[in-house]
Amino acid sequence: MPNRINEISETIDHATSRSICDAVGERLRQNLRPDALKPSSHLEHLIDELRRRDDEGLAQN
């Protein structure tokens, strides 16, 4: 399978590359906001269990 990078005959200048990276980063920030990434119910259960165990450990000390 040929390497796709070697098939590209044109190069991208630094300013264009930076612009593309900034645009991708901005799109990721919009789509992956912390409030949009709610943990699954299973993960919430596990976190609650860890908190409960931590609280029990602190109460025993």
Protein backbone atom coordinates (compact mmCIF):
# COMPACT_ATOMS: atom_id res chain seq x y z
CA MET A 1 0.00 0.00 0.00
CA PRO A 2 1.62 3.26 -1.03
CA ASN A 3 2.24 5.95 1.56
CA ARG A 4 -0.28 8.76 1.00
CA ILE A 5 2.17 11.42 2.15
CA ASN A 6 4.59 10.47 -0.62
CA GLU A 7 1.80 10.84 -3.19
CA ILE A 8 1.23 14.52 -2.35
CA SER A 9 3.00 16.65 -4.91
CA GLU A 10 2.30 19.99 -3.22
CA THR A 11 3.43 21.10 0.20
CA ILE A 12 1.47 23.22 2.63
CA ASP A 13 3.16 26.34 3.93
CA HIS A 14 3.44 27.00 7.66
CA ALA A 15 0.67 29.64 7.74
CA THR A 16 -1.80 27.33 6.00
CA SER A 17 -0.84 24.41 8.22
CA ARG A 18 -1.29 26.56 11.34
CA SER A 19 -4.68 27.75 10.10
CA ILE A 20 -5.86 24.18 9.51
CA CYS A 21 -4.65 23.09 12.97
CA ASP A 22 -6.41 26.04 14.61
CA ALA A 23 -9.65 25.28 12.76
CA VAL A 24 -9.54 21.60 13.74
CA GLY A 25 -8.77 22.55 17.34
CA GLU A 26 -11.66 24.98 17.47
CA ARG A 27 -14.06 22.39 16.04
CA LEU A 28 -12.90 19.86 18.66
CA ARG A 29 -13.38 22.43 21.44
CA GLN A 30 -16.93 23.07 20.24
CA ASN A 31 -17.85 19.41 19.87
CA LEU A 32 -16.04 18.07 22.93
CA ARG A 33 -17.03 20.60 25.56
CA PRO A 34 -16.75 19.17 29.08
CA ASP A 35 -20.47 19.66 29.65
CA ALA A 36 -21.21 17.68 26.47
CA LEU A 37 -19.12 14.73 27.64
CA LYS A 38 -21.31 13.32 30.37
CA PRO A 39 -19.90 10.04 31.73
CA SER A 40 -21.91 6.89 31.17
CA SER A 41 -24.12 5.60 33.96
CA HIS A 42 -21.69 2.71 34.50
CA LEU A 43 -18.77 5.10 34.91
CA GLU A 44 -20.80 7.27 37.30
CA HIS A 45 -21.57 4.14 39.34
CA LEU A 46 -17.87 3.24 39.52
CA ILE A 47 -16.94 6.79 40.56
CA ASP A 48 -19.61 6.72 43.27
CA GLU A 49 -18.25 3.39 44.49
CA LEU A 50 -14.71 4.81 44.68
CA ARG A 51 -15.98 7.81 46.63
CA ARG A 52 -17.85 5.53 49.04
CA ARG A 53 -14.74 3.42 49.60
CA ASP A 54 -12.60 6.52 50.11
CA ASP A 55 -15.09 7.83 52.65
CA GLU A 56 -15.07 4.48 54.50
CA GLY A 57 -11.26 4.46 54.53
CA LEU A 58 -11.14 7.97 55.97
CA ALA A 59 -13.70 7.10 58.65
CA GLN A 60 -11.60 4.12 59.79
CA ASN A 61 -8.47 6.26 60.30
